[in-house]
Amino acid sequence: MAQIPLAEILRPQSLDEYIGQEHIVGKGAILSRAIENGNIPSLIFWGPPGVGKTTLAFIISRQLIRPFYTLSAVSSGVKDVRNVISEAREKGGGAILFIDEIHRFNKSQQDSLLSAVEKGIITLIGATTENPSFEVISPLLSRCQVYILKELSKDHLLELLERGKKELEQELKVTITINENEALLRISGGDARKLLNALELVVHSEKDQKEVKINNDLVQEVIQKSLAIYDKSGEMHYDIISAFIKSLRGSDPNAAIYWLARMVEAGEDPKFIARRMLILASEDIGNANPTALVLAQSCFNAVNVIGYPECRIILSQTATYLASSPKSNASYLAIDDALTEVRKSGNLPVPLHIRNAPTRLMKDIGYGKDYKYAHNYQNNFTDQEFLPDKISGKKFYDPGNNPRETEIRNRLKAFWKNKYNY
């Protein structure tokens, strides 16, 4: 008889046992209130692997005591969806249909859900690691409430480790001492399932001992021996895309091509690869080479119309270009810095001289007064204030140290003198 994995044994049965996602299912949070009221809309859970998307869907079904169906988008098709809808209709509707990896459903498969969701025959709960704005068709997305699930914190993972340790001690009748946990946490990458799988592998490798003492060296040794197992079961999927992106960011086209080849050989969705490169082109290259974003967008468009095997060439061209490009994360840092300021200082008023003034009354009370039209001045620039008074002079964009952004920095310094300290 097959052994039940530790992660499955410890799967929470109620919100009280659930770890993480306090922002949506903590006490008084919006989704927990909806569950308590017994009236939830169709939902899309978007977040990284191993943060509790499937578990949360399961808990909702138990709490609401409704018929519960589950499909995997990897192995299910339109026929499976229609069978579930037909059965749910016969039972009077209101069933919950959970679809894991819903981003892998194509348009026709997603279309098959629309009518049943709209009529309330099923309440859809979809789980995805990809941005649903790109992967879920608009008519279906408009009928669902999207909740973003966050990575588990270190405290969450340590709590899971403690639960796993106690369960294994009881099951194997051994004493487990975790002297060091850094390797376990690092291997997990914030994924609860990976964490518990790693703990289980390590403990089972030492279960003949009366006391299992876990340290970083033991974890590394056991996990290295088990990497092939993870590959075959798909556990390395996110590790490989991580290695690919880090190779691009680290300007190593050879490593990038190797990890790309691993994904191509495994039949990875080329859109998934192209989308990650599109993000990297802006996040890690940005204005150091703006053409990178253009090429990455062209790559994404191309793989949508050209499949394997030919699209591997387009992916390769783009990957080598991005890896070889100069790097800058200045735009990424700029928007995050600006968002931090907005959250800290709130909705500061727009200066009167740059407000829109579509009516006579607005003009009379000063909207748009003293605004200087830049194109009327030399070099299409004139010194005027564009930020709210409270944060005047605050610099968000700090150009990177590369030829193109050095040119941008010099231009801004010539324009703004000492105002932004360029």
Protein backbone atom coordinates (compact mmCIF):
# COMPACT_ATOMS: atom_id res chain seq x y z
CA MET A 1 0.00 0.00 0.00
CA ALA A 2 1.39 3.40 -1.04
CA GLN A 3 2.50 5.64 1.78
CA ILE A 4 0.54 8.87 2.17
CA PRO A 5 2.93 11.84 1.87
CA LEU A 6 3.48 13.92 5.00
CA ALA A 7 2.20 17.04 3.23
CA GLU A 8 -1.11 15.28 2.57
CA ILE A 9 -1.39 13.96 6.13
CA LEU A 10 -0.90 17.49 7.48
CA ARG A 11 -3.25 19.19 5.04
CA PRO A 12 -5.43 21.49 7.20
CA GLN A 13 -9.09 20.57 7.56
CA SER A 14 -10.31 23.98 8.74
CA LEU A 15 -9.33 27.64 8.72
CA ASP A 16 -8.20 27.28 12.35
CA GLU A 17 -5.50 24.84 11.19
CA TYR A 18 -4.59 26.84 8.07
CA ILE A 19 -1.20 28.58 8.06
CA GLY A 20 -0.62 31.89 6.27
CA GLN A 21 -2.73 34.21 4.09
CA GLU A 22 -3.96 36.17 7.10
CA HIS A 23 -4.77 39.09 4.79
CA ILE A 24 -7.67 37.14 3.24
CA VAL A 25 -8.59 34.41 5.75
CA GLY A 26 -7.42 35.82 9.06
CA LYS A 27 -9.96 36.78 11.71
CA GLY A 28 -12.38 39.31 10.22
CA ALA A 29 -10.71 39.21 6.77
CA ILE A 30 -12.88 39.52 3.68
CA LEU A 31 -12.80 35.89 2.49
CA SER A 32 -13.18 34.38 5.96
CA ARG A 33 -16.31 36.52 6.43
CA ALA A 34 -17.71 35.32 3.10
CA ILE A 35 -17.04 31.69 4.07
CA GLU A 36 -18.71 32.20 7.47
CA ASN A 37 -21.75 33.69 5.71
CA GLY A 38 -21.85 30.67 3.39
CA ASN A 39 -22.01 32.83 0.29
CA ILE A 40 -18.83 32.92 -1.79
CA PRO A 41 -18.46 34.07 -5.40
CA SER A 42 -16.43 32.18 -7.95
CA LEU A 43 -12.77 32.61 -7.04
CA ILE A 44 -9.33 32.59 -8.59
CA PHE A 45 -6.42 31.98 -6.19
CA TRP A 46 -3.22 33.39 -7.65
CA GLY A 47 0.08 32.74 -5.95
CA PRO A 48 3.35 30.78 -5.94
CA PRO A 49 3.36 27.01 -5.48
CA GLY A 50 2.92 25.49 -2.05
CA VAL A 51 1.22 28.43 -0.31
CA GLY A 52 -2.16 26.77 0.25
CA LYS A 53 -4.33 27.36 -2.83
CA THR A 54 -5.63 23.79 -3.09
CA THR A 55 -5.97 23.46 0.68
CA LEU A 56 -8.02 26.65 0.90
CA ALA A 57 -10.40 25.39 -1.80
CA PHE A 58 -10.80 22.11 0.10
CA ILE A 59 -11.50 23.93 3.37
CA ILE A 60 -14.13 26.10 1.69
CA SER A 61 -15.91 23.02 0.35
CA ARG A 62 -15.96 21.42 3.82
CA GLN A 63 -17.12 24.61 5.51
CA LEU A 64 -19.97 25.19 3.05
CA ILE A 65 -20.98 21.49 2.91
CA ARG A 66 -21.47 21.53 -0.84
CA PRO A 67 -20.73 18.90 -3.51
CA PHE A 68 -17.06 19.29 -4.39
CA TYR A 69 -15.41 18.37 -7.68
CA THR A 70 -11.76 18.75 -8.56
CA LEU A 71 -10.08 18.74 -11.96
CA SER A 72 -6.49 19.28 -13.01
CA ALA A 73 -6.09 21.45 -16.08
CA VAL A 74 -3.06 19.33 -17.03
CA SER A 75 -5.07 16.14 -17.52
CA SER A 76 -8.69 17.29 -18.00
CA GLY A 77 -10.53 18.52 -21.05
CA VAL A 78 -13.88 20.00 -22.12
CA LYS A 79 -15.59 16.60 -21.78
CA ASP A 80 -14.54 16.35 -18.11
CA VAL A 81 -15.83 19.86 -17.43
CA ARG A 82 -19.18 19.09 -19.08
CA ASN A 83 -19.54 15.87 -17.08
CA VAL A 84 -19.04 17.76 -13.82
CA ILE A 85 -21.50 20.49 -14.85
CA SER A 86 -24.10 17.88 -15.85
CA GLU A 87 -23.77 16.07 -12.52
CA ALA A 88 -23.90 19.34 -10.59
CA ARG A 89 -27.05 20.38 -12.47
CA GLU A 90 -28.74 17.09 -11.57
CA LYS A 91 -27.98 17.76 -7.89
CA GLY A 92 -29.64 21.17 -8.07
CA GLY A 93 -26.57 23.34 -8.63
CA GLY A 94 -24.37 25.13 -6.16
CA ALA A 95 -21.52 22.63 -6.41
CA ILE A 96 -17.93 23.79 -6.07
CA LEU A 97 -15.57 22.95 -8.94
CA PHE A 98 -11.89 23.34 -8.15
CA ILE A 99 -9.56 23.51 -11.15
CA ASP A 100 -5.86 23.31 -10.37
CA GLU A 101 -3.49 25.11 -12.76
CA ILE A 102 -6.41 26.77 -14.53
CA HIS A 103 -3.92 28.81 -16.59
CA ARG A 104 -3.27 25.61 -18.58
CA PHE A 105 -6.89 25.50 -19.81
CA ASN A 106 -7.18 26.84 -23.35
CA LYS A 107 -9.88 29.28 -24.48
CA SER A 108 -12.44 26.62 -25.50
CA GLN A 109 -11.99 24.80 -22.19
CA GLN A 110 -12.51 28.03 -20.25
CA ASP A 111 -15.48 28.94 -22.46
CA SER A 112 -17.15 25.67 -21.42
CA LEU A 113 -17.29 26.96 -17.83
CA LEU A 114 -18.94 30.32 -18.55
CA SER A 115 -22.62 29.45 -18.66
CA ALA A 116 -22.53 27.19 -15.60
CA VAL A 117 -20.68 29.80 -13.56
CA GLU A 118 -23.07 32.55 -14.66
CA LYS A 119 -26.17 30.48 -13.78
CA GLY A 120 -24.77 29.34 -10.42
CA ILE A 121 -24.75 25.67 -11.39
CA ILE A 122 -21.15 25.63 -10.19
CA THR A 123 -19.04 27.94 -8.07
CA LEU A 124 -15.62 27.91 -9.68
CA ILE A 125 -12.42 28.00 -7.66
CA GLY A 126 -9.36 28.15 -9.88
CA ALA A 127 -5.75 27.99 -8.74
CA THR A 128 -2.92 29.48 -10.78
CA THR A 129 0.72 30.42 -10.41
CA GLU A 130 0.40 32.74 -13.42
CA ASN A 131 -1.14 36.19 -13.67
CA PRO A 132 -4.84 35.49 -14.38
CA SER A 133 -5.10 38.73 -16.35
CA PHE A 134 -3.07 37.01 -19.08
CA GLU A 135 -4.16 33.41 -18.63
CA VAL A 136 -7.90 33.52 -17.85
CA ILE A 137 -10.28 34.75 -20.55
CA SER A 138 -11.92 38.10 -19.77
CA PRO A 139 -15.56 36.87 -19.63
CA LEU A 140 -14.62 34.21 -17.06
CA LEU A 141 -12.30 36.51 -15.12
CA SER A 142 -15.06 39.14 -14.83
CA ARG A 143 -17.26 36.54 -13.09
CA CYS A 144 -14.57 35.66 -10.52
CA GLN A 145 -13.04 37.39 -7.54
CA VAL A 146 -9.24 37.19 -7.70
CA TYR A 147 -7.33 36.69 -4.44
CA ILE A 148 -3.55 36.94 -4.34
CA LEU A 149 -1.91 34.42 -2.01
CA LYS A 150 1.45 35.49 -0.61
CA GLU A 151 4.63 33.52 -0.01
CA LEU A 152 4.78 31.90 3.40
CA SER A 153 6.96 33.72 5.91
CA LYS A 154 9.81 32.13 7.85
CA ASP A 155 7.54 31.92 10.92
CA HIS A 156 4.90 30.08 8.89
CA LEU A 157 7.49 27.60 7.61
CA LEU A 158 8.90 27.00 11.09
CA GLU A 159 5.39 26.28 12.36
CA LEU A 160 4.96 23.75 9.54
CA LEU A 161 8.31 22.16 10.39
CA GLU A 162 7.20 21.71 13.99
CA ARG A 163 3.95 20.07 12.89
CA GLY A 164 5.83 17.79 10.52
CA LYS A 165 8.37 16.83 13.17
CA LYS A 166 5.65 15.86 15.66
CA GLU A 167 3.77 13.81 13.05
CA LEU A 168 6.90 11.90 12.00
CA GLU A 169 7.93 11.29 15.60
CA GLN A 170 4.54 9.75 16.27
CA GLU A 171 4.52 7.71 13.06
CA LEU A 172 8.09 6.37 13.23
CA LYS A 173 8.47 6.24 17.03
CA VAL A 174 11.70 8.23 16.94
CA THR A 175 12.93 11.45 18.50
CA ILE A 176 13.69 14.18 15.97
CA THR A 177 15.96 17.09 16.82
CA ILE A 178 16.29 19.90 14.29
CA ASN A 179 19.63 21.49 15.22
CA GLU A 180 19.79 23.57 12.03
CA ASN A 181 16.91 24.52 9.73
CA GLU A 182 18.54 26.87 7.19
CA ALA A 183 19.00 24.21 4.50
CA LEU A 184 15.43 22.96 4.87
CA LEU A 185 14.07 26.49 4.57
CA ARG A 186 16.31 27.30 1.60
CA ILE A 187 15.35 24.12 -0.27
CA SER A 188 11.66 24.81 0.33
CA GLY A 189 11.83 28.20 -1.38
CA GLY A 190 8.74 29.16 0.63
CA ASP A 191 6.81 26.12 -0.67
CA ALA A 192 5.11 24.26 2.20
CA ARG A 193 4.88 21.02 0.22
CA LYS A 194 8.58 21.09 -0.65
CA LEU A 195 9.47 21.79 2.96
CA LEU A 196 7.51 18.83 4.29
CA ASN A 197 8.74 16.56 1.48
CA ALA A 198 12.34 17.47 2.31
CA LEU A 199 11.80 16.90 6.03
CA GLU A 200 10.20 13.53 5.33
CA LEU A 201 13.04 12.44 3.04
CA VAL A 202 15.69 13.39 5.60
CA VAL A 203 13.93 11.71 8.51
CA HIS A 204 13.24 8.50 6.55
CA SER A 205 16.91 8.34 5.54
CA GLU A 206 17.81 8.19 9.26
CA LYS A 207 14.77 6.38 10.67
CA ASP A 208 16.82 3.36 11.82
CA GLN A 209 18.33 5.64 14.46
CA LYS A 210 16.50 6.11 17.75
CA GLU A 211 17.17 9.82 17.53
CA VAL A 212 17.28 11.68 14.22
CA LYS A 213 19.48 14.76 14.45
CA ILE A 214 18.96 17.11 11.53
CA ASN A 215 21.60 19.63 10.46
CA ASN A 216 22.33 21.49 7.24
CA ASP A 217 24.96 19.01 5.99
CA LEU A 218 22.63 16.03 6.41
CA VAL A 219 19.82 17.85 4.58
CA GLN A 220 22.10 18.77 1.66
CA GLU A 221 23.43 15.22 1.37
CA VAL A 222 19.99 13.58 1.36
CA ILE A 223 18.36 16.09 -0.96
CA GLN A 224 21.20 15.93 -3.49
CA LYS A 225 20.67 12.17 -3.75
CA SER A 226 16.94 12.73 -4.32
CA LEU A 227 17.08 15.42 -7.01
CA ALA A 228 16.34 12.91 -9.77
CA ILE A 229 13.13 11.94 -7.96
CA TYR A 230 12.04 15.56 -7.82
CA ASP A 231 12.77 15.98 -11.53
CA LYS A 232 10.63 13.02 -12.54
CA SER A 233 7.69 14.12 -10.43
CA GLY A 234 7.82 17.71 -11.65
CA GLU A 235 9.01 19.21 -8.35
CA MET A 236 11.98 20.85 -10.12
CA HIS A 237 9.75 22.81 -12.49
CA TYR A 238 10.00 26.05 -10.53
CA ASP A 239 13.64 25.48 -9.58
CA ILE A 240 14.61 25.31 -13.25
CA ILE A 241 12.75 28.47 -14.26
CA SER A 242 14.39 30.14 -11.25
CA ALA A 243 17.83 28.98 -12.43
CA PHE A 244 17.04 30.23 -15.94
CA ILE A 245 15.98 33.70 -14.78
CA LYS A 246 18.95 34.01 -12.40
CA SER A 247 21.30 33.04 -15.25
CA LEU A 248 19.81 35.75 -17.47
CA ARG A 249 20.07 38.29 -14.63
CA GLY A 250 23.65 37.17 -13.98
CA SER A 251 24.64 37.78 -17.66
CA ASP A 252 25.57 34.13 -18.34
CA PRO A 253 24.12 33.19 -21.76
CA ASN A 254 25.63 29.69 -21.58
CA ALA A 255 23.90 28.77 -18.33
CA ALA A 256 20.70 30.43 -19.57
CA ILE A 257 20.70 28.31 -22.72
CA TYR A 258 21.33 25.14 -20.73
CA TRP A 259 18.33 25.76 -18.45
CA LEU A 260 16.26 26.79 -21.47
CA ALA A 261 17.15 23.48 -23.13
CA ARG A 262 16.05 21.62 -20.00
CA MET A 263 12.64 23.29 -20.21
CA VAL A 264 12.31 22.80 -23.98
CA GLU A 265 13.21 19.11 -23.65
CA ALA A 266 10.57 18.71 -20.93
CA GLY A 267 7.92 20.29 -23.17
CA GLU A 268 7.47 23.41 -21.03
CA ASP A 269 4.83 25.85 -22.29
CA PRO A 270 6.84 28.34 -24.43
CA LYS A 271 4.49 31.16 -23.41
CA PHE A 272 5.46 30.56 -19.78
CA ILE A 273 9.16 30.92 -20.68
CA ALA A 274 8.57 33.96 -22.91
CA ARG A 275 6.44 35.70 -20.27
CA ARG A 276 9.20 35.32 -17.66
CA MET A 277 11.71 36.82 -20.10
CA LEU A 278 9.32 39.70 -20.77
CA ILE A 279 9.23 40.52 -17.06
CA LEU A 280 13.01 40.23 -16.75
CA ALA A 281 13.58 42.55 -19.72
CA SER A 282 12.01 45.38 -17.76
CA GLU A 283 12.86 44.38 -14.18
CA ASP A 284 16.55 43.56 -14.68
CA ILE A 285 17.57 45.37 -17.90
CA GLY A 286 15.21 48.32 -18.17
CA ASN A 287 16.66 51.54 -19.52
CA ALA A 288 20.17 50.08 -19.69
CA ASN A 289 18.91 48.63 -22.99
CA PRO A 290 15.24 49.45 -23.77
CA THR A 291 15.41 47.28 -26.91
CA ALA A 292 15.43 44.23 -24.64
CA LEU A 293 11.77 44.80 -23.74
CA VAL A 294 10.88 45.20 -27.43
CA LEU A 295 12.59 41.93 -28.35
CA ALA A 296 11.04 40.09 -25.39
CA GLN A 297 7.58 41.32 -26.43
CA SER A 298 8.23 40.18 -30.00
CA CYS A 299 9.32 36.80 -28.66
CA PHE A 300 6.11 36.46 -26.63
CA ASN A 301 4.00 37.36 -29.68
CA ALA A 302 5.94 34.96 -31.90
CA VAL A 303 5.63 31.89 -29.66
CA ASN A 304 1.87 32.47 -29.57
CA VAL A 305 1.74 31.69 -33.29
CA ILE A 306 4.76 29.41 -33.70
CA GLY A 307 4.94 26.29 -31.56
CA TYR A 308 7.61 23.70 -31.01
CA PRO A 309 10.02 22.79 -32.44
CA GLU A 310 10.68 26.09 -34.29
CA CYS A 311 9.87 28.42 -31.39
CA ARG A 312 12.91 27.06 -29.51
CA ILE A 313 15.06 29.18 -31.86
CA ILE A 314 13.13 32.35 -31.02
CA LEU A 315 13.38 31.58 -27.30
CA SER A 316 17.12 30.97 -27.70
CA GLN A 317 17.70 34.23 -29.59
CA THR A 318 15.86 36.21 -26.94
CA ALA A 319 17.51 34.44 -24.02
CA THR A 320 21.04 35.00 -25.32
CA TYR A 321 20.26 38.66 -26.06
CA LEU A 322 18.83 39.30 -22.60
CA ALA A 323 21.69 37.49 -20.87
CA SER A 324 24.26 39.50 -22.85
CA SER A 325 22.57 42.89 -22.27
CA PRO A 326 23.76 45.45 -19.71
CA LYS A 327 21.66 45.27 -16.55
CA SER A 328 19.73 47.81 -14.50
CA ASN A 329 16.95 47.42 -11.96
CA ALA A 330 16.53 51.18 -11.54
CA SER A 331 12.97 51.27 -12.95
CA TYR A 332 11.95 48.36 -10.69
CA LEU A 333 13.37 50.12 -7.62
CA ALA A 334 11.79 53.44 -8.70
CA ILE A 335 8.20 52.17 -8.80
CA ASP A 336 8.58 50.26 -5.54
CA ASP A 337 10.04 53.36 -3.87
CA ALA A 338 7.20 55.49 -5.24
CA LEU A 339 4.58 52.98 -4.04
CA THR A 340 6.14 53.05 -0.57
CA GLU A 341 5.87 56.85 -0.58
CA VAL A 342 2.23 56.75 -1.72
CA ARG A 343 1.32 54.31 1.05
CA LYS A 344 3.16 56.44 3.60
CA SER A 345 2.00 59.92 2.59
CA GLY A 346 -1.46 59.07 1.21
CA ASN A 347 -3.32 60.95 -1.51
CA LEU A 348 -1.38 64.21 -1.64
CA PRO A 349 -3.12 66.99 -3.64
CA VAL A 350 -2.09 67.59 -7.25
CA PRO A 351 -0.44 71.05 -7.56
CA LEU A 352 -2.93 73.52 -9.02
CA HIS A 353 -0.80 74.48 -12.00
CA ILE A 354 -0.74 70.91 -13.39
CA ARG A 355 -4.39 70.07 -12.73
CA ASN A 356 -6.81 69.54 -15.59
CA ALA A 357 -9.09 72.52 -16.15
CA PRO A 358 -11.94 71.48 -18.49
CA THR A 359 -14.47 74.02 -17.13
CA ARG A 360 -14.53 77.81 -16.67
CA LEU A 361 -15.05 77.45 -12.91
CA MET A 362 -11.94 75.29 -12.58
CA LYS A 363 -9.92 77.88 -14.47
CA ASP A 364 -11.32 80.66 -12.29
CA ILE A 365 -10.22 78.92 -9.08
CA GLY A 366 -6.69 78.39 -10.36
CA TYR A 367 -6.64 75.00 -12.05
CA GLY A 368 -3.87 75.03 -14.66
CA LYS A 369 -2.78 78.59 -13.82
CA ASP A 370 0.94 79.27 -14.40
CA TYR A 371 1.47 75.91 -16.10
CA LYS A 372 4.44 76.17 -18.46
CA TYR A 373 4.14 74.20 -21.71
CA ALA A 374 7.54 72.55 -22.04
CA HIS A 375 7.66 72.70 -25.86
CA ASN A 376 7.56 76.50 -25.75
CA TYR A 377 10.97 76.58 -24.07
CA GLN A 378 14.53 75.84 -25.15
CA ASN A 379 15.34 72.10 -25.24
CA ASN A 380 11.62 71.45 -24.57
CA PHE A 381 12.21 71.97 -20.86
CA THR A 382 11.44 74.51 -18.20
CA ASP A 383 11.97 74.21 -14.48
CA GLN A 384 8.61 73.82 -12.76
CA GLU A 385 7.19 71.72 -9.92
CA PHE A 386 5.43 68.47 -10.79
CA LEU A 387 5.34 66.79 -7.37
CA PRO A 388 3.07 67.64 -4.43
CA ASP A 389 4.66 70.28 -2.18
CA LYS A 390 5.11 67.83 0.69
CA ILE A 391 7.49 65.60 -1.30
CA SER A 392 9.10 68.22 -3.56
CA GLY A 393 12.60 67.15 -4.54
CA LYS A 394 12.02 63.46 -3.70
CA LYS A 395 14.02 61.26 -6.10
CA PHE A 396 12.51 57.91 -7.07
CA TYR A 397 14.37 57.10 -10.29
CA ASP A 398 18.12 56.71 -9.79
CA PRO A 399 19.65 55.73 -13.17
CA GLY A 400 21.93 52.69 -13.13
CA ASN A 401 25.66 52.61 -13.72
CA ASN A 402 25.76 51.77 -17.44
CA PRO A 403 26.44 53.82 -20.58
CA ARG A 404 22.83 54.45 -21.57
CA GLU A 405 21.62 55.39 -18.09
CA THR A 406 24.74 57.47 -17.44
CA GLU A 407 23.61 59.53 -20.42
CA ILE A 408 20.11 59.76 -18.89
CA ARG A 409 21.59 60.81 -15.53
CA ASN A 410 23.67 63.57 -17.14
CA ARG A 411 20.64 64.89 -19.03
CA LEU A 412 18.50 64.98 -15.88
CA LYS A 413 21.30 66.67 -13.95
CA ALA A 414 21.61 69.35 -16.62
CA PHE A 415 17.85 69.96 -16.49
CA TRP A 416 17.18 69.81 -12.75
CA LYS A 417 20.55 71.04 -11.41
CA ASN A 418 20.65 70.16 -7.70
CA LYS A 419 16.93 69.61 -7.20
CA TYR A 420 17.01 65.81 -7.41
CA ASN A 421 20.71 65.40 -6.61
CA TYR A 422 21.54 63.69 -9.91
